[in-house]
Amino acid sequence: MRKLVINKQFRLVLILAVPILILLVTRWHVVENLLPKISEKDNLPTLAKITEEPIPSFQFVNQDYDTITNESYTDKIYIVDFIFTTCPTICPKMTYHMRHLVEELEKYDNVAFLSHTINPEYDTPDVLKEYAQQFSNKRKINMSRWNFVTGEKDSIYKIAKSYLTIAGEGEDNVNHADFGLVHSGDFILVDNNGIIRSGYDHVGNPIGSYDGTSVQAVKDLIVDVGVLVKEIKRNEKNNTK
């Protein structure tokens, strides 16, 4: 009778032990064989390259009368938009969202911001400074990374084309037709080599630019900047090997 009880206990232990053993072996297989493949360089997230050539040389003047050129953004990721201070529609929302980006991305020391006026005849450096302060004073954000720039009208409109966005004069039923000024609501992400980058839409196509009037697009941009920062660090690490 005692032997029968022991045999039953042994079978019970065996029944319980086999699934546990299978689970342990499976876990070991995943850790040893699958996880290293997931962390390989080729499988890490990266952003699409929208342009092949870097943004051409430019020269503008910011709200502090400093000259801003490509060299001002050497080795930096930067986010670009086109606005004007008397804009009655999308510009305040875009600038508010850009301010949010400045706050959220402050932890990255290689991320900067660039806002071009498309109305240089009115938007002098002093006007741009006053406009910038309307947004910065409310949150006391660090404005040293955010340039509001003006310059020659033709230069502004020409550089907008390099960013693959719209900025200029003309009739438009949505964007400030009453002012004779036209621009998009794009936020453009530029990497440390001057190449336009972007994330992907829900079907896997590059989005090209981010809607500066959309809360969700701004959230997506914050995530994609983080991806780009990691990509750059990864490339720098690989280049030092």
C-alpha atoms as a PDB file:
ATOM      1  CA  MET A   1       0.000   0.000   0.000  1.00  0.00           C
ATOM      2  CA  ARG A   2       2.837   2.368   0.942  1.00  0.00           C
ATOM      3  CA  LYS A   3       4.617   1.513  -2.303  1.00  0.00           C
ATOM      4  CA  LEU A   4       1.475   2.384  -4.267  1.00  0.00           C
ATOM      5  CA  VAL A   5       1.254   5.785  -2.565  1.00  0.00           C
ATOM      6  CA  ILE A   6       4.913   6.521  -3.375  1.00  0.00           C
ATOM      7  CA  ASN A   7       4.386   5.554  -7.012  1.00  0.00           C
ATOM      8  CA  LYS A   8       1.415   7.910  -7.248  1.00  0.00           C
ATOM      9  CA  GLN A   9       3.429  10.742  -5.703  1.00  0.00           C
ATOM     10  CA  PHE A  10       6.295  10.078  -8.100  1.00  0.00           C
ATOM     11  CA  ARG A  11       3.962  10.187 -11.116  1.00  0.00           C
ATOM     12  CA  LEU A  12       2.423  13.428  -9.838  1.00  0.00           C
ATOM     13  CA  VAL A  13       5.859  15.025  -9.432  1.00  0.00           C
ATOM     14  CA  LEU A  14       6.785  13.815 -12.918  1.00  0.00           C
ATOM     15  CA  ILE A  15       3.603  15.225 -14.412  1.00  0.00           C
ATOM     16  CA  LEU A  16       4.291  18.628 -12.833  1.00  0.00           C
ATOM     17  CA  ALA A  17       8.009  18.615 -13.611  1.00  0.00           C
ATOM     18  CA  VAL A  18       7.769  17.923 -17.345  1.00  0.00           C
ATOM     19  CA  PRO A  19       5.896  21.147 -18.276  1.00  0.00           C
ATOM     20  CA  ILE A  20       8.242  23.170 -16.074  1.00  0.00           C
ATOM     21  CA  LEU A  21      11.254  21.592 -17.742  1.00  0.00           C
ATOM     22  CA  ILE A  22       9.800  22.313 -21.194  1.00  0.00           C
ATOM     23  CA  LEU A  23       9.175  25.948 -20.180  1.00  0.00           C
ATOM     24  CA  LEU A  24      12.752  26.349 -18.932  1.00  0.00           C
ATOM     25  CA  VAL A  25      14.209  24.849 -22.105  1.00  0.00           C
ATOM     26  CA  THR A  26      11.988  27.076 -24.271  1.00  0.00           C
ATOM     27  CA  ARG A  27      13.008  30.174 -22.331  1.00  0.00           C
ATOM     28  CA  TRP A  28      16.688  29.270 -22.691  1.00  0.00           C
ATOM     29  CA  HIS A  29      16.203  28.803 -26.441  1.00  0.00           C
ATOM     30  CA  VAL A  30      14.566  32.229 -26.793  1.00  0.00           C
ATOM     31  CA  VAL A  31      17.224  34.020 -24.763  1.00  0.00           C
ATOM     32  CA  GLU A  32      20.177  32.294 -26.423  1.00  0.00           C
ATOM     33  CA  ASN A  33      18.975  32.184 -30.010  1.00  0.00           C
ATOM     34  CA  LEU A  34      16.269  34.758 -30.689  1.00  0.00           C
ATOM     35  CA  LEU A  35      17.065  37.827 -28.595  1.00  0.00           C
ATOM     36  CA  PRO A  36      20.515  38.434 -30.110  1.00  0.00           C
ATOM     37  CA  LYS A  37      18.922  38.490 -33.564  1.00  0.00           C
ATOM     38  CA  ILE A  38      16.388  41.069 -32.465  1.00  0.00           C
ATOM     39  CA  SER A  39      19.152  43.376 -31.248  1.00  0.00           C
ATOM     40  CA  GLU A  40      21.215  43.165 -34.419  1.00  0.00           C
ATOM     41  CA  LYS A  41      21.963  46.471 -36.174  1.00  0.00           C
ATOM     42  CA  ASP A  42      19.846  45.729 -39.239  1.00  0.00           C
ATOM     43  CA  ASN A  43      16.710  45.230 -37.165  1.00  0.00           C
ATOM     44  CA  LEU A  44      16.940  48.434 -35.131  1.00  0.00           C
ATOM     45  CA  PRO A  45      14.496  51.205 -36.061  1.00  0.00           C
ATOM     46  CA  THR A  46      15.598  53.909 -38.467  1.00  0.00           C
ATOM     47  CA  LEU A  47      13.947  56.764 -40.368  1.00  0.00           C
ATOM     48  CA  ALA A  48      13.421  57.228 -44.086  1.00  0.00           C
ATOM     49  CA  LYS A  49      15.757  59.484 -46.061  1.00  0.00           C
ATOM     50  CA  ILE A  50      13.567  61.901 -47.993  1.00  0.00           C
ATOM     51  CA  THR A  51      16.405  63.684 -49.790  1.00  0.00           C
ATOM     52  CA  GLU A  52      19.757  62.452 -51.021  1.00  0.00           C
ATOM     53  CA  GLU A  53      21.580  65.775 -50.963  1.00  0.00           C
ATOM     54  CA  PRO A  54      21.934  68.021 -47.906  1.00  0.00           C
ATOM     55  CA  ILE A  55      20.096  71.322 -47.574  1.00  0.00           C
ATOM     56  CA  PRO A  56      22.064  73.938 -49.572  1.00  0.00           C
ATOM     57  CA  SER A  57      23.961  76.760 -47.872  1.00  0.00           C
ATOM     58  CA  PHE A  58      21.843  79.534 -46.401  1.00  0.00           C
ATOM     59  CA  GLN A  59      22.313  82.748 -44.456  1.00  0.00           C
ATOM     60  CA  PHE A  60      19.639  84.561 -42.447  1.00  0.00           C
ATOM     61  CA  VAL A  61      19.380  86.874 -39.437  1.00  0.00           C
ATOM     62  CA  ASN A  62      17.672  85.784 -36.233  1.00  0.00           C
ATOM     63  CA  GLN A  63      15.694  87.585 -33.532  1.00  0.00           C
ATOM     64  CA  ASP A  64      18.934  88.647 -31.807  1.00  0.00           C
ATOM     65  CA  TYR A  65      20.491  90.014 -35.013  1.00  0.00           C
ATOM     66  CA  ASP A  66      22.865  87.033 -35.139  1.00  0.00           C
ATOM     67  CA  THR A  67      23.744  85.558 -38.537  1.00  0.00           C
ATOM     68  CA  ILE A  68      22.390  82.026 -38.860  1.00  0.00           C
ATOM     69  CA  THR A  69      23.899  79.670 -41.449  1.00  0.00           C
ATOM     70  CA  ASN A  70      24.282  75.953 -42.079  1.00  0.00           C
ATOM     71  CA  GLU A  71      27.238  76.007 -39.730  1.00  0.00           C
ATOM     72  CA  SER A  72      24.898  77.016 -36.917  1.00  0.00           C
ATOM     73  CA  TYR A  73      23.437  73.502 -37.231  1.00  0.00           C
ATOM     74  CA  THR A  74      26.628  71.533 -37.755  1.00  0.00           C
ATOM     75  CA  ASP A  75      26.244  68.029 -36.284  1.00  0.00           C
ATOM     76  CA  LYS A  76      22.740  68.871 -35.102  1.00  0.00           C
ATOM     77  CA  ILE A  77      19.290  67.521 -35.774  1.00  0.00           C
ATOM     78  CA  TYR A  78      16.904  70.384 -36.406  1.00  0.00           C
ATOM     79  CA  ILE A  79      13.202  70.967 -37.017  1.00  0.00           C
ATOM     80  CA  VAL A  80      12.121  73.625 -39.530  1.00  0.00           C
ATOM     81  CA  ASP A  81       8.910  75.506 -40.249  1.00  0.00           C
ATOM     82  CA  PHE A  82       7.701  78.597 -42.157  1.00  0.00           C
ATOM     83  CA  ILE A  83       5.392  81.145 -40.512  1.00  0.00           C
ATOM     84  CA  PHE A  84       4.775  84.905 -40.214  1.00  0.00           C
ATOM     85  CA  THR A  85       3.894  86.952 -37.163  1.00  0.00           C
ATOM     86  CA  THR A  86       0.645  88.499 -38.435  1.00  0.00           C
ATOM     87  CA  CYS A  87      -0.703  85.148 -39.572  1.00  0.00           C
ATOM     88  CA  PRO A  88      -4.351  84.849 -38.461  1.00  0.00           C
ATOM     89  CA  THR A  89      -4.799  81.106 -38.889  1.00  0.00           C
ATOM     90  CA  ILE A  90      -2.334  78.223 -38.504  1.00  0.00           C
ATOM     91  CA  CYS A  91       0.879  80.009 -37.459  1.00  0.00           C
ATOM     92  CA  PRO A  92       0.028  80.506 -33.754  1.00  0.00           C
ATOM     93  CA  LYS A  93      -0.856  76.820 -33.460  1.00  0.00           C
ATOM     94  CA  MET A  94       2.328  75.809 -35.275  1.00  0.00           C
ATOM     95  CA  THR A  95       4.463  78.009 -33.032  1.00  0.00           C
ATOM     96  CA  TYR A  96       2.723  76.670 -29.935  1.00  0.00           C
ATOM     97  CA  HIS A  97       3.479  73.139 -31.091  1.00  0.00           C
ATOM     98  CA  MET A  98       7.082  74.067 -31.869  1.00  0.00           C
ATOM     99  CA  ARG A  99       7.401  75.429 -28.354  1.00  0.00           C
ATOM    100  CA  HIS A 100       6.122  72.095 -27.065  1.00  0.00           C
ATOM    101  CA  LEU A 101       8.825  70.345 -29.097  1.00  0.00           C
ATOM    102  CA  VAL A 102      11.485  72.620 -27.603  1.00  0.00           C
ATOM    103  CA  GLU A 103      10.298  71.604 -24.138  1.00  0.00           C
ATOM    104  CA  GLU A 104       9.950  67.894 -24.831  1.00  0.00           C
ATOM    105  CA  LEU A 105      13.244  67.532 -26.707  1.00  0.00           C
ATOM    106  CA  GLU A 106      15.366  69.613 -24.335  1.00  0.00           C
ATOM    107  CA  LYS A 107      16.961  66.403 -23.017  1.00  0.00           C
ATOM    108  CA  TYR A 108      18.777  65.966 -26.340  1.00  0.00           C
ATOM    109  CA  ASP A 109      21.744  68.332 -26.553  1.00  0.00           C
ATOM    110  CA  ASN A 110      22.005  67.942 -30.361  1.00  0.00           C
ATOM    111  CA  VAL A 111      18.458  69.006 -31.306  1.00  0.00           C
ATOM    112  CA  ALA A 112      17.650  72.566 -32.464  1.00  0.00           C
ATOM    113  CA  PHE A 113      14.795  74.516 -34.082  1.00  0.00           C
ATOM    114  CA  LEU A 114      14.460  76.955 -36.983  1.00  0.00           C
ATOM    115  CA  SER A 115      11.413  79.092 -37.844  1.00  0.00           C
ATOM    116  CA  HIS A 116      11.500  81.215 -41.022  1.00  0.00           C
ATOM    117  CA  THR A 117       9.221  84.171 -41.555  1.00  0.00           C
ATOM    118  CA  ILE A 118       7.758  84.381 -45.051  1.00  0.00           C
ATOM    119  CA  ASN A 119       6.988  88.081 -44.592  1.00  0.00           C
ATOM    120  CA  PRO A 120      10.431  89.672 -44.168  1.00  0.00           C
ATOM    121  CA  GLU A 121       9.210  93.149 -45.077  1.00  0.00           C
ATOM    122  CA  TYR A 122       7.258  93.295 -41.814  1.00  0.00           C
ATOM    123  CA  ASP A 123       8.976  90.663 -39.667  1.00  0.00           C
ATOM    124  CA  THR A 124      12.194  92.398 -38.655  1.00  0.00           C
ATOM    125  CA  PRO A 125      14.426  90.802 -36.008  1.00  0.00           C
ATOM    126  CA  ASP A 126      12.774  93.003 -33.370  1.00  0.00           C
ATOM    127  CA  VAL A 127       9.291  91.900 -34.435  1.00  0.00           C
ATOM    128  CA  LEU A 128      10.400  88.260 -34.439  1.00  0.00           C
ATOM    129  CA  LYS A 129      11.881  88.635 -30.962  1.00  0.00           C
ATOM    130  CA  GLU A 130       8.653  90.056 -29.596  1.00  0.00           C
ATOM    131  CA  TYR A 131       6.729  87.243 -31.279  1.00  0.00           C
ATOM    132  CA  ALA A 132       9.070  84.606 -29.848  1.00  0.00           C
ATOM    133  CA  GLN A 133       8.738  86.056 -26.358  1.00  0.00           C
ATOM    134  CA  GLN A 134       4.956  85.730 -26.500  1.00  0.00           C
ATOM    135  CA  PHE A 135       5.448  81.984 -26.549  1.00  0.00           C
ATOM    136  CA  SER A 136       8.648  81.553 -24.549  1.00  0.00           C
ATOM    137  CA  ASN A 137       7.768  83.750 -21.555  1.00  0.00           C
ATOM    138  CA  LYS A 138       4.728  81.649 -20.694  1.00  0.00           C
ATOM    139  CA  ARG A 139       6.892  78.589 -20.087  1.00  0.00           C
ATOM    140  CA  LYS A 140      10.353  80.120 -19.563  1.00  0.00           C
ATOM    141  CA  ILE A 141      11.817  77.745 -22.120  1.00  0.00           C
ATOM    142  CA  ASN A 142      15.402  77.823 -23.324  1.00  0.00           C
ATOM    143  CA  MET A 143      15.360  79.908 -26.499  1.00  0.00           C
ATOM    144  CA  SER A 144      19.055  79.440 -27.285  1.00  0.00           C
ATOM    145  CA  ARG A 145      18.189  76.495 -29.560  1.00  0.00           C
ATOM    146  CA  TRP A 146      15.306  78.170 -31.380  1.00  0.00           C
ATOM    147  CA  ASN A 147      16.041  80.699 -34.112  1.00  0.00           C
ATOM    148  CA  PHE A 148      13.361  82.866 -35.695  1.00  0.00           C
ATOM    149  CA  VAL A 149      14.975  84.118 -38.887  1.00  0.00           C
ATOM    150  CA  THR A 150      14.371  86.685 -41.603  1.00  0.00           C
ATOM    151  CA  GLY A 151      16.248  87.677 -44.746  1.00  0.00           C
ATOM    152  CA  GLU A 152      15.823  88.355 -48.429  1.00  0.00           C
ATOM    153  CA  LYS A 153      12.415  87.274 -49.655  1.00  0.00           C
ATOM    154  CA  ASP A 154      13.799  85.325 -52.613  1.00  0.00           C
ATOM    155  CA  SER A 155      16.237  83.470 -50.359  1.00  0.00           C
ATOM    156  CA  ILE A 156      13.464  82.454 -47.976  1.00  0.00           C
ATOM    157  CA  TYR A 157      11.206  81.169 -50.736  1.00  0.00           C
ATOM    158  CA  LYS A 158      14.095  79.367 -52.416  1.00  0.00           C
ATOM    159  CA  ILE A 159      15.202  77.566 -49.261  1.00  0.00           C
ATOM    160  CA  ALA A 160      11.598  76.467 -48.665  1.00  0.00           C
ATOM    161  CA  LYS A 161      11.770  74.513 -51.908  1.00  0.00           C
ATOM    162  CA  SER A 162      14.902  72.782 -50.644  1.00  0.00           C
ATOM    163  CA  TYR A 163      12.908  71.677 -47.622  1.00  0.00           C
ATOM    164  CA  LEU A 164      10.242  70.348 -50.024  1.00  0.00           C
ATOM    165  CA  THR A 165       7.596  72.651 -48.594  1.00  0.00           C
ATOM    166  CA  ILE A 166       5.518  75.622 -49.763  1.00  0.00           C
ATOM    167  CA  ALA A 167       6.324  79.227 -48.859  1.00  0.00           C
ATOM    168  CA  GLY A 168       5.792  82.290 -51.013  1.00  0.00           C
ATOM    169  CA  GLU A 169       3.252  84.660 -52.486  1.00  0.00           C
ATOM    170  CA  GLY A 170       0.101  83.750 -54.340  1.00  0.00           C
ATOM    171  CA  GLU A 171      -3.576  83.028 -54.050  1.00  0.00           C
ATOM    172  CA  ASP A 172      -4.720  80.199 -51.862  1.00  0.00           C
ATOM    173  CA  ASN A 173      -8.128  79.500 -50.390  1.00  0.00           C
ATOM    174  CA  VAL A 174      -6.738  78.116 -47.154  1.00  0.00           C
ATOM    175  CA  ASN A 175      -3.388  79.667 -46.317  1.00  0.00           C
ATOM    176  CA  HIS A 176      -3.691  83.449 -45.954  1.00  0.00           C
ATOM    177  CA  ALA A 177      -5.010  84.451 -49.369  1.00  0.00           C
ATOM    178  CA  ASP A 178      -6.010  87.816 -47.915  1.00  0.00           C
ATOM    179  CA  PHE A 179      -2.358  88.509 -47.139  1.00  0.00           C
ATOM    180  CA  GLY A 180      -1.055  87.324 -50.494  1.00  0.00           C
ATOM    181  CA  LEU A 181       1.121  84.820 -48.616  1.00  0.00           C
ATOM    182  CA  VAL A 182       1.082  81.057 -48.935  1.00  0.00           C
ATOM    183  CA  HIS A 183       2.787  78.424 -46.799  1.00  0.00           C
ATOM    184  CA  SER A 184       2.173  74.914 -45.545  1.00  0.00           C
ATOM    185  CA  GLY A 185       1.861  73.717 -41.977  1.00  0.00           C
ATOM    186  CA  ASP A 186       4.838  71.396 -42.359  1.00  0.00           C
ATOM    187  CA  PHE A 187       7.405  70.620 -39.708  1.00  0.00           C
ATOM    188  CA  ILE A 188      10.487  69.274 -41.494  1.00  0.00           C
ATOM    189  CA  LEU A 189      12.987  67.043 -39.705  1.00  0.00           C
ATOM    190  CA  VAL A 190      16.623  67.407 -40.806  1.00  0.00           C
ATOM    191  CA  ASP A 191      19.420  65.144 -39.597  1.00  0.00           C
ATOM    192  CA  ASN A 192      22.990  65.994 -38.604  1.00  0.00           C
ATOM    193  CA  ASN A 193      24.100  65.693 -42.240  1.00  0.00           C
ATOM    194  CA  GLY A 194      21.493  68.085 -43.588  1.00  0.00           C
ATOM    195  CA  ILE A 195      19.304  65.299 -45.004  1.00  0.00           C
ATOM    196  CA  ILE A 196      15.517  65.461 -44.609  1.00  0.00           C
ATOM    197  CA  ARG A 197      14.237  62.466 -42.667  1.00  0.00           C
ATOM    198  CA  SER A 198      10.840  61.164 -41.608  1.00  0.00           C
ATOM    199  CA  GLY A 199       8.946  58.285 -40.100  1.00  0.00           C
ATOM    200  CA  TYR A 200       6.387  56.117 -41.887  1.00  0.00           C
ATOM    201  CA  ASP A 201       2.619  56.080 -42.192  1.00  0.00           C
ATOM    202  CA  HIS A 202       0.365  53.171 -41.203  1.00  0.00           C
ATOM    203  CA  VAL A 203       1.052  51.303 -44.461  1.00  0.00           C
ATOM    204  CA  GLY A 204       4.812  51.758 -44.333  1.00  0.00           C
ATOM    205  CA  ASN A 205       5.298  54.727 -46.671  1.00  0.00           C
ATOM    206  CA  PRO A 206       7.560  57.650 -45.647  1.00  0.00           C
ATOM    207  CA  ILE A 207       5.439  60.603 -44.569  1.00  0.00           C
ATOM    208  CA  GLY A 208       7.996  63.184 -45.739  1.00  0.00           C
ATOM    209  CA  SER A 209       7.012  65.928 -43.285  1.00  0.00           C
ATOM    210  CA  TYR A 210       4.921  66.342 -40.147  1.00  0.00           C
ATOM    211  CA  ASP A 211       1.707  68.343 -39.838  1.00  0.00           C
ATOM    212  CA  GLY A 212       2.622  71.167 -37.461  1.00  0.00           C
ATOM    213  CA  THR A 213      -1.053  71.804 -36.683  1.00  0.00           C
ATOM    214  CA  SER A 214      -1.717  68.222 -35.531  1.00  0.00           C
ATOM    215  CA  VAL A 215      -1.218  67.082 -31.945  1.00  0.00           C
ATOM    216  CA  GLN A 216      -0.743  63.480 -33.057  1.00  0.00           C
ATOM    217  CA  ALA A 217       1.819  64.442 -35.710  1.00  0.00           C
ATOM    218  CA  VAL A 218       3.802  66.357 -33.094  1.00  0.00           C
ATOM    219  CA  LYS A 219       3.746  63.299 -30.816  1.00  0.00           C
ATOM    220  CA  ASP A 220       4.978  61.173 -33.720  1.00  0.00           C
ATOM    221  CA  LEU A 221       7.746  63.678 -34.385  1.00  0.00           C
ATOM    222  CA  ILE A 222       8.929  63.514 -30.770  1.00  0.00           C
ATOM    223  CA  VAL A 223       9.205  59.731 -31.054  1.00  0.00           C
ATOM    224  CA  ASP A 224      10.984  59.932 -34.415  1.00  0.00           C
ATOM    225  CA  VAL A 225      13.519  62.440 -33.111  1.00  0.00           C
ATOM    226  CA  GLY A 226      14.352  59.925 -30.380  1.00  0.00           C
ATOM    227  CA  VAL A 227      14.821  57.245 -33.032  1.00  0.00           C
ATOM    228  CA  LEU A 228      17.089  59.546 -35.033  1.00  0.00           C
ATOM    229  CA  VAL A 229      19.183  60.432 -31.967  1.00  0.00           C
ATOM    230  CA  LYS A 230      19.769  56.737 -31.289  1.00  0.00           C
ATOM    231  CA  GLU A 231      20.570  56.094 -34.952  1.00  0.00           C
ATOM    232  CA  ILE A 232      23.239  58.801 -34.938  1.00  0.00           C
ATOM    233  CA  LYS A 233      24.787  57.494 -31.723  1.00  0.00           C
ATOM    234  CA  ARG A 234      24.797  53.986 -33.173  1.00  0.00           C
ATOM    235  CA  ASN A 235      26.519  55.163 -36.342  1.00  0.00           C
ATOM    236  CA  GLU A 236      29.107  57.129 -34.377  1.00  0.00           C
ATOM    237  CA  LYS A 237      29.828  54.061 -32.253  1.00  0.00           C
ATOM    238  CA  ASN A 238      30.222  51.845 -35.311  1.00  0.00           C
ATOM    239  CA  ASN A 239      32.538  54.379 -36.977  1.00  0.00           C
ATOM    240  CA  THR A 240      34.879  54.338 -33.997  1.00  0.00           C
ATOM    241  CA  LYS A 241      35.344  50.579 -34.115  1.00  0.00           C
END
